């Protein structure tokens, strides 16, 4: 899969190479999934007053993943190929 992505910095526009994207995107997904697992583990031992907060954070992470899945579908990109 070859993708060209542009990202914005405070100084100037820089083009992200396909190789950078291939490294970047899976790293982001790994971080999202790890954060979800960590929160689920924390939630298992959290005090009752912390449960709603942790549920909200978990919902947010799942929402980000769902947005990414929907965008992949909209762009006709294989979700499994992206690791979604």
PDB file of N, CA and C in Angstrom:
ATOM      1  N   UNK A   1       0.854  -1.160   0.000  1.00  0.00           N
ATOM      2  CA  UNK A   1       0.000   0.000   0.000  1.00  0.00           C
ATOM      3  C   UNK A   1       0.905   1.230   0.000  1.00  0.00           C
ATOM      4  N   UNK A   2       0.628   2.151  -0.872  1.00  0.00           N
ATOM      5  CA  UNK A   2       1.405   3.378  -0.951  1.00  0.00           C
ATOM      6  C   UNK A   2       0.475   4.544  -0.672  1.00  0.00           C
ATOM      7  N   UNK A   3       0.804   5.314   0.342  1.00  0.00           N
ATOM      8  CA  UNK A   3       0.004   6.475   0.706  1.00  0.00           C
ATOM      9  C   UNK A   3       0.932   7.672   0.849  1.00  0.00           C
ATOM     10  N   UNK A   4       0.497   8.807   0.377  1.00  0.00           N
ATOM     11  CA  UNK A   4       1.217  10.052   0.602  1.00  0.00           C
ATOM     12  C   UNK A   4       0.389  10.880   1.559  1.00  0.00           C
ATOM     13  N   UNK A   5       1.000  11.304   2.638  1.00  0.00           N
ATOM     14  CA  UNK A   5       0.308  12.050   3.673  1.00  0.00           C
ATOM     15  C   UNK A   5       1.050  13.342   3.914  1.00  0.00           C
ATOM     16  N   UNK A   6       0.300  14.403   4.107  1.00  0.00           N
ATOM     17  CA  UNK A   6       0.900  15.692   4.437  1.00  0.00           C
ATOM     18  C   UNK A   6       0.500  16.037   5.864  1.00  0.00           C
ATOM     19  N   UNK A   7       1.465  16.466   6.653  1.00  0.00           N
ATOM     20  CA  UNK A   7       1.132  16.912   7.993  1.00  0.00           C
ATOM     21  C   UNK A   7       1.646  18.337   8.156  1.00  0.00           C
ATOM     22  N   UNK A   8       1.093  19.041   9.118  1.00  0.00           N
ATOM     23  CA  UNK A   8       1.389  20.460   9.296  1.00  0.00           C
ATOM     24  C   UNK A   8       2.189  20.647  10.583  1.00  0.00           C
ATOM     25  N   UNK A   9       3.250  21.422  10.486  1.00  0.00           N
ATOM     26  CA  UNK A   9       3.998  21.816  11.673  1.00  0.00           C
ATOM     27  C   UNK A   9       3.828  23.319  11.821  1.00  0.00           C
ATOM     28  N   UNK A  10       4.324  23.873  12.901  1.00  0.00           N
ATOM     29  CA  UNK A  10       4.245  25.314  13.105  1.00  0.00           C
ATOM     30  C   UNK A  10       5.115  26.066  12.108  1.00  0.00           C
ATOM     31  N   UNK A  11       6.134  25.417  11.588  1.00  0.00           N
ATOM     32  CA  UNK A  11       7.084  26.102  10.729  1.00  0.00           C
ATOM     33  C   UNK A  11       6.725  26.033   9.251  1.00  0.00           C
ATOM     34  N   UNK A  12       6.356  24.849   8.759  1.00  0.00           N
ATOM     35  CA  UNK A  12       6.076  24.702   7.339  1.00  0.00           C
ATOM     36  C   UNK A  12       5.367  23.379   7.094  1.00  0.00           C
ATOM     37  N   UNK A  13       4.875  23.205   5.896  1.00  0.00           N
ATOM     38  CA  UNK A  13       4.272  21.931   5.506  1.00  0.00           C
ATOM     39  C   UNK A  13       5.395  20.987   5.106  1.00  0.00           C
ATOM     40  N   UNK A  14       5.296  19.764   5.575  1.00  0.00           N
ATOM     41  CA  UNK A  14       6.275  18.756   5.222  1.00  0.00           C
ATOM     42  C   UNK A  14       5.535  17.538   4.712  1.00  0.00           C
ATOM     43  N   UNK A  15       6.061  16.910   3.715  1.00  0.00           N
ATOM     44  CA  UNK A  15       5.432  15.720   3.178  1.00  0.00           C
ATOM     45  C   UNK A  15       5.976  14.492   3.897  1.00  0.00           C
ATOM     46  N   UNK A  16       5.054  13.654   4.358  1.00  0.00           N
ATOM     47  CA  UNK A  16       5.433  12.415   5.010  1.00  0.00           C
ATOM     48  C   UNK A  16       5.615  11.353   3.929  1.00  0.00           C
ATOM     49  N   UNK A  17       6.724  10.689   3.959  1.00  0.00           N
ATOM     50  CA  UNK A  17       6.969   9.645   2.964  1.00  0.00           C
ATOM     51  C   UNK A  17       6.100   8.428   3.262  1.00  0.00           C
ATOM     52  N   UNK A  18       5.916   7.597   2.270  1.00  0.00           N
ATOM     53  CA  UNK A  18       5.158   6.361   2.454  1.00  0.00           C
ATOM     54  C   UNK A  18       5.802   5.491   3.528  1.00  0.00           C
ATOM     55  N   UNK A  19       7.129   5.463   3.555  1.00  0.00           N
ATOM     56  CA  UNK A  19       7.832   4.658   4.543  1.00  0.00           C
ATOM     57  C   UNK A  19       7.573   5.173   5.956  1.00  0.00           C
ATOM     58  N   UNK A  20       7.556   6.492   6.115  1.00  0.00           N
ATOM     59  CA  UNK A  20       7.266   7.066   7.424  1.00  0.00           C
ATOM     60  C   UNK A  20       5.846   6.711   7.853  1.00  0.00           C
ATOM     61  N   UNK A  21       4.900   6.796   6.926  1.00  0.00           N
ATOM     62  CA  UNK A  21       3.518   6.478   7.249  1.00  0.00           C
ATOM     63  C   UNK A  21       3.378   5.009   7.628  1.00  0.00           C
ATOM     64  N   UNK A  22       4.063   4.144   6.900  1.00  0.00           N
ATOM     65  CA  UNK A  22       3.998   2.705   7.177  1.00  0.00           C
ATOM     66  C   UNK A  22       4.512   2.411   8.586  1.00  0.00           C
ATOM     67  N   UNK A  23       5.461   3.188   9.078  1.00  0.00           N
ATOM     68  CA  UNK A  23       5.956   3.036  10.448  1.00  0.00           C
ATOM     69  C   UNK A  23       5.048   3.741  11.452  1.00  0.00           C
ATOM     70  N   UNK A  24       4.556   4.919  11.081  1.00  0.00           N
ATOM     71  CA  UNK A  24       3.761   5.752  11.975  1.00  0.00           C
ATOM     72  C   UNK A  24       2.412   5.137  12.316  1.00  0.00           C
ATOM     73  N   UNK A  25       1.648   4.740  11.314  1.00  0.00           N
ATOM     74  CA  UNK A  25       0.272   4.313  11.526  1.00  0.00           C
ATOM     75  C   UNK A  25       0.172   3.090  12.439  1.00  0.00           C
ATOM     76  N   UNK A  26       0.931   2.026  12.204  1.00  0.00           N
ATOM     77  CA  UNK A  26       0.854   0.881  13.125  1.00  0.00           C
ATOM     78  C   UNK A  26       1.277   1.245  14.545  1.00  0.00           C
ATOM     79  N   UNK A  27       2.232   2.158  14.677  1.00  0.00           N
ATOM     80  CA  UNK A  27       2.657   2.595  16.008  1.00  0.00           C
ATOM     81  C   UNK A  27       1.506   3.264  16.746  1.00  0.00           C
ATOM     82  N   UNK A  28       0.733   4.087  16.037  1.00  0.00           N
ATOM     83  CA  UNK A  28      -0.429   4.735  16.649  1.00  0.00           C
ATOM     84  C   UNK A  28      -1.457   3.688  17.067  1.00  0.00           C
ATOM     85  N   UNK A  29      -1.727   2.724  16.194  1.00  0.00           N
ATOM     86  CA  UNK A  29      -2.697   1.672  16.524  1.00  0.00           C
ATOM     87  C   UNK A  29      -2.245   0.839  17.721  1.00  0.00           C
ATOM     88  N   UNK A  30      -0.966   0.506  17.766  1.00  0.00           N
ATOM     89  CA  UNK A  30      -0.442  -0.252  18.899  1.00  0.00           C
ATOM     90  C   UNK A  30      -0.645   0.537  20.189  1.00  0.00           C
ATOM     91  N   UNK A  31      -0.369   1.836  20.139  1.00  0.00           N
ATOM     92  CA  UNK A  31      -0.553   2.682  21.324  1.00  0.00           C
ATOM     93  C   UNK A  31      -2.013   2.742  21.743  1.00  0.00           C
ATOM     94  N   UNK A  32      -2.923   2.890  20.790  1.00  0.00           N
ATOM     95  CA  UNK A  32      -4.352   2.920  21.111  1.00  0.00           C
ATOM     96  C   UNK A  32      -4.785   1.618  21.775  1.00  0.00           C
ATOM     97  N   UNK A  33      -4.408   0.498  21.176  1.00  0.00           N
ATOM     98  CA  UNK A  33      -4.800  -0.802  21.733  1.00  0.00           C
ATOM     99  C   UNK A  33      -4.169  -1.038  23.103  1.00  0.00           C
ATOM    100  N   UNK A  34      -2.938  -0.620  23.285  1.00  0.00           N
ATOM    101  CA  UNK A  34      -2.279  -0.781  24.582  1.00  0.00           C
ATOM    102  C   UNK A  34      -2.971   0.074  25.642  1.00  0.00           C
ATOM    103  N   UNK A  35      -3.339   1.290  25.281  1.00  0.00           N
ATOM    104  CA  UNK A  35      -4.042   2.149  26.230  1.00  0.00           C
ATOM    105  C   UNK A  35      -5.387   1.554  26.613  1.00  0.00           C
ATOM    106  N   UNK A  36      -6.081   0.951  25.654  1.00  0.00           N
ATOM    107  CA  UNK A  36      -7.362   0.294  25.945  1.00  0.00           C
ATOM    108  C   UNK A  36      -7.132  -0.859  26.931  1.00  0.00           C
ATOM    109  N   UNK A  37      -6.145  -1.693  26.664  1.00  0.00           N
ATOM    110  CA  UNK A  37      -5.854  -2.820  27.566  1.00  0.00           C
ATOM    111  C   UNK A  37      -5.473  -2.330  28.960  1.00  0.00           C
ATOM    112  N   UNK A  38      -4.659  -1.287  29.021  1.00  0.00           N
ATOM    113  CA  UNK A  38      -4.258  -0.735  30.323  1.00  0.00           C
ATOM    114  C   UNK A  38      -5.468  -0.209  31.094  1.00  0.00           C
ATOM    115  N   UNK A  39      -6.349   0.508  30.403  1.00  0.00           N
ATOM    116  CA  UNK A  39      -7.541   1.035  31.065  1.00  0.00           C
ATOM    117  C   UNK A  39      -8.460  -0.085  31.536  1.00  0.00           C
ATOM    118  N   UNK A  40      -8.602  -1.129  30.735  1.00  0.00           N
ATOM    119  CA  UNK A  40      -9.430  -2.264  31.139  1.00  0.00           C
ATOM    120  C   UNK A  40      -8.855  -2.918  32.393  1.00  0.00           C
ATOM    121  N   UNK A  41      -7.544  -3.035  32.455  1.00  0.00           N
ATOM    122  CA  UNK A  41      -6.898  -3.587  33.642  1.00  0.00           C
ATOM    123  C   UNK A  41      -7.080  -2.690  34.851  1.00  0.00           C
ATOM    124  N   UNK A  42      -6.934  -1.395  34.648  1.00  0.00           N
ATOM    125  CA  UNK A  42      -7.125  -0.434  35.732  1.00  0.00           C
ATOM    126  C   UNK A  42      -8.567  -0.476  36.219  1.00  0.00           C
ATOM    127  N   UNK A  43      -9.500  -0.561  35.290  1.00  0.00           N
ATOM    128  CA  UNK A  43     -10.924  -0.561  35.630  1.00  0.00           C
ATOM    129  C   UNK A  43     -11.288  -1.764  36.490  1.00  0.00           C
ATOM    130  N   UNK A  44     -10.641  -2.886  36.252  1.00  0.00           N
ATOM    131  CA  UNK A  44     -10.944  -4.098  37.004  1.00  0.00           C
ATOM    132  C   UNK A  44     -10.674  -3.931  38.500  1.00  0.00           C
ATOM    133  N   UNK A  45      -9.744  -3.043  38.841  1.00  0.00           N
ATOM    134  CA  UNK A  45      -9.377  -2.854  40.244  1.00  0.00           C
ATOM    135  C   UNK A  45      -9.688  -1.452  40.765  1.00  0.00           C
ATOM    136  N   UNK A  46     -10.394  -0.664  39.978  1.00  0.00           N
ATOM    137  CA  UNK A  46     -10.666   0.729  40.346  1.00  0.00           C
ATOM    138  C   UNK A  46     -11.779   0.820  41.387  1.00  0.00           C
ATOM    139  N   UNK A  47     -11.742   1.908  42.107  1.00  0.00           N
ATOM    140  CA  UNK A  47     -12.798   2.202  43.080  1.00  0.00           C
ATOM    141  C   UNK A  47     -14.084   2.532  42.330  1.00  0.00           C
ATOM    142  N   UNK A  48     -15.215   2.304  42.950  1.00  0.00           N
ATOM    143  CA  UNK A  48     -16.497   2.589  42.284  1.00  0.00           C
ATOM    144  C   UNK A  48     -16.606   4.020  41.752  1.00  0.00           C
ATOM    145  N   UNK A  49     -16.051   4.972  42.471  1.00  0.00           N
ATOM    146  CA  UNK A  49     -16.148   6.375  42.034  1.00  0.00           C
ATOM    147  C   UNK A  49     -15.275   6.678  40.809  1.00  0.00           C
ATOM    148  N   UNK A  50     -14.348   5.793  40.482  1.00  0.00           N
ATOM    149  CA  UNK A  50     -13.496   5.969  39.313  1.00  0.00           C
ATOM    150  C   UNK A  50     -14.044   5.271  38.066  1.00  0.00           C
ATOM    151  N   UNK A  51     -15.015   4.401  38.223  1.00  0.00           N
ATOM    152  CA  UNK A  51     -15.528   3.589  37.126  1.00  0.00           C
ATOM    153  C   UNK A  51     -16.089   4.424  35.974  1.00  0.00           C
ATOM    154  N   UNK A  52     -16.881   5.447  36.267  1.00  0.00           N
ATOM    155  CA  UNK A  52     -17.489   6.261  35.203  1.00  0.00           C
ATOM    156  C   UNK A  52     -16.413   6.987  34.392  1.00  0.00           C
ATOM    157  N   UNK A  53     -15.404   7.495  35.077  1.00  0.00           N
ATOM    158  CA  UNK A  53     -14.310   8.175  34.390  1.00  0.00           C
ATOM    159  C   UNK A  53     -13.582   7.207  33.448  1.00  0.00           C
ATOM    160  N   UNK A  54     -13.272   6.025  33.948  1.00  0.00           N
ATOM    161  CA  UNK A  54     -12.578   5.029  33.130  1.00  0.00           C
ATOM    162  C   UNK A  54     -13.449   4.555  31.975  1.00  0.00           C
ATOM    163  N   UNK A  55     -14.749   4.386  32.223  1.00  0.00           N
ATOM    164  CA  UNK A  55     -15.673   4.029  31.146  1.00  0.00           C
ATOM    165  C   UNK A  55     -15.664   5.086  30.049  1.00  0.00           C
ATOM    166  N   UNK A  56     -15.632   6.351  30.430  1.00  0.00           N
ATOM    167  CA  UNK A  56     -15.590   7.442  29.453  1.00  0.00           C
ATOM    168  C   UNK A  56     -14.327   7.416  28.625  1.00  0.00           C
ATOM    169  N   UNK A  57     -13.216   7.170  29.269  1.00  0.00           N
ATOM    170  CA  UNK A  57     -11.949   7.084  28.525  1.00  0.00           C
ATOM    171  C   UNK A  57     -11.948   5.895  27.577  1.00  0.00           C
ATOM    172  N   UNK A  58     -12.433   4.758  28.040  1.00  0.00           N
ATOM    173  CA  UNK A  58     -12.515   3.582  27.169  1.00  0.00           C
ATOM    174  C   UNK A  58     -13.427   3.848  25.978  1.00  0.00           C
ATOM    175  N   UNK A  59     -14.559   4.483  26.238  1.00  0.00           N
ATOM    176  CA  UNK A  59     -15.479   4.812  25.152  1.00  0.00           C
ATOM    177  C   UNK A  59     -14.781   5.688  24.123  1.00  0.00           C
ATOM    178  N   UNK A  60     -14.009   6.652  24.583  1.00  0.00           N
ATOM    179  CA  UNK A  60     -13.305   7.567  23.671  1.00  0.00           C
ATOM    180  C   UNK A  60     -12.311   6.823  22.790  1.00  0.00           C
ATOM    181  N   UNK A  61     -11.545   5.924  23.378  1.00  0.00           N
ATOM    182  CA  UNK A  61     -10.593   5.146  22.573  1.00  0.00           C
ATOM    183  C   UNK A  61     -11.314   4.288  21.537  1.00  0.00           C
ATOM    184  N   UNK A  62     -12.398   3.656  21.955  1.00  0.00           N
ATOM    185  CA  UNK A  62     -13.163   2.837  21.005  1.00  0.00           C
ATOM    186  C   UNK A  62     -13.766   3.707  19.902  1.00  0.00           C
ATOM    187  N   UNK A  63     -14.197   4.900  20.252  1.00  0.00           N
ATOM    188  CA  UNK A  63     -14.758   5.817  19.261  1.00  0.00           C
ATOM    189  C   UNK A  63     -13.698   6.202  18.218  1.00  0.00           C
ATOM    190  N   UNK A  64     -12.471   6.462  18.658  1.00  0.00           N
ATOM    191  CA  UNK A  64     -11.382   6.784  17.726  1.00  0.00           C
ATOM    192  C   UNK A  64     -11.158   5.623  16.764  1.00  0.00           C
ATOM    193  N   UNK A  65     -11.131   4.404  17.291  1.00  0.00           N
ATOM    194  CA  UNK A  65     -10.940   3.243  16.421  1.00  0.00           C
ATOM    195  C   UNK A  65     -12.093   3.090  15.429  1.00  0.00           C
ATOM    196  N   UNK A  66     -13.324   3.351  15.864  1.00  0.00           N
ATOM    197  CA  UNK A  66     -14.474   3.264  14.962  1.00  0.00           C
ATOM    198  C   UNK A  66     -14.409   4.328  13.864  1.00  0.00           C
ATOM    199  N   UNK A  67     -13.956   5.519  14.206  1.00  0.00           N
ATOM    200  CA  UNK A  67     -13.789   6.583  13.206  1.00  0.00           C
ATOM    201  C   UNK A  67     -12.748   6.157  12.176  1.00  0.00           C
ATOM    202  N   UNK A  68     -11.661   5.580  12.636  1.00  0.00           N
ATOM    203  CA  UNK A  68     -10.609   5.122  11.725  1.00  0.00           C
ATOM    204  C   UNK A  68     -11.135   4.016  10.808  1.00  0.00           C
ATOM    205  N   UNK A  69     -11.926   3.102  11.353  1.00  0.00           N
ATOM    206  CA  UNK A  69     -12.514   2.031  10.545  1.00  0.00           C
ATOM    207  C   UNK A  69     -13.462   2.597   9.495  1.00  0.00           C
ATOM    208  N   UNK A  70     -14.300   3.548   9.899  1.00  0.00           N
ATOM    209  CA  UNK A  70     -15.250   4.148   8.959  1.00  0.00           C
ATOM    210  C   UNK A  70     -14.521   4.916   7.858  1.00  0.00           C
ATOM    211  N   UNK A  71     -13.462   5.608   8.218  1.00  0.00           N
ATOM    212  CA  UNK A  71     -12.680   6.345   7.221  1.00  0.00           C
ATOM    213  C   UNK A  71     -11.999   5.388   6.257  1.00  0.00           C
ATOM    214  N   UNK A  72     -11.472   4.293   6.761  1.00  0.00           N
ATOM    215  CA  UNK A  72     -10.849   3.301   5.891  1.00  0.00           C
ATOM    216  C   UNK A  72     -11.878   2.763   4.898  1.00  0.00           C
ATOM    217  N   UNK A  73     -13.067   2.484   5.384  1.00  0.00           N
ATOM    218  CA  UNK A  73     -14.123   1.988   4.500  1.00  0.00           C
ATOM    219  C   UNK A  73     -14.495   3.043   3.460  1.00  0.00           C
ATOM    220  N   UNK A  74     -14.608   4.291   3.872  1.00  0.00           N
ATOM    221  CA  UNK A  74     -14.966   5.376   2.956  1.00  0.00           C
ATOM    222  C   UNK A  74     -13.921   5.547   1.853  1.00  0.00           C
ATOM    223  N   UNK A  75     -12.666   5.301   2.178  1.00  0.00           N
ATOM    224  CA  UNK A  75     -11.586   5.420   1.200  1.00  0.00           C
ATOM    225  C   UNK A  75     -11.275   4.098   0.518  1.00  0.00           C
ATOM    226  N   UNK A  76     -12.106   3.100   0.782  1.00  0.00           N
ATOM    227  CA  UNK A  76     -11.961   1.768   0.188  1.00  0.00           C
ATOM    228  C   UNK A  76     -10.576   1.184   0.486  1.00  0.00           C
ATOM    229  N   UNK A  77     -10.170   1.300   1.738  1.00  0.00           N
ATOM    230  CA  UNK A  77      -8.903   0.748   2.206  1.00  0.00           C
ATOM    231  C   UNK A  77      -9.221  -0.473   3.062  1.00  0.00           C
ATOM    232  N   UNK A  78      -8.529  -1.537   2.825  1.00  0.00           N
ATOM    233  CA  UNK A  78      -8.736  -2.774   3.572  1.00  0.00           C
ATOM    234  C   UNK A  78      -8.364  -2.540   5.042  1.00  0.00           C
ATOM    235  N   UNK A  79      -9.358  -2.667   5.934  1.00  0.00           N
ATOM    236  CA  UNK A  79      -9.122  -2.423   7.366  1.00  0.00           C
ATOM    237  C   UNK A  79      -8.120  -3.403   7.950  1.00  0.00           C
ATOM    238  N   UNK A  80      -8.163  -4.653   7.533  1.00  0.00           N
ATOM    239  CA  UNK A  80      -7.219  -5.647   8.047  1.00  0.00           C
ATOM    240  C   UNK A  80      -5.793  -5.304   7.640  1.00  0.00           C
ATOM    241  N   UNK A  81      -5.642  -4.776   6.452  1.00  0.00           N
ATOM    242  CA  UNK A  81      -4.302  -4.388   5.984  1.00  0.00           C
ATOM    243  C   UNK A  81      -3.733  -3.269   6.851  1.00  0.00           C
ATOM    244  N   UNK A  82      -4.614  -2.416   7.361  1.00  0.00           N
ATOM    245  CA  UNK A  82      -4.181  -1.331   8.241  1.00  0.00           C
ATOM    246  C   UNK A  82      -4.013  -1.778   9.693  1.00  0.00           C
ATOM    247  N   UNK A  83      -4.518  -2.956  10.014  1.00  0.00           N
ATOM    248  CA  UNK A  83      -4.456  -3.418  11.397  1.00  0.00           C
ATOM    249  C   UNK A  83      -5.655  -2.992  12.211  1.00  0.00           C
ATOM    250  N   UNK A  84      -6.741  -2.608  11.520  1.00  0.00           N
ATOM    251  CA  UNK A  84      -7.954  -2.203  12.211  1.00  0.00           C
ATOM    252  C   UNK A  84      -8.892  -3.391  12.342  1.00  0.00           C
TER     253      UNK A  84
END
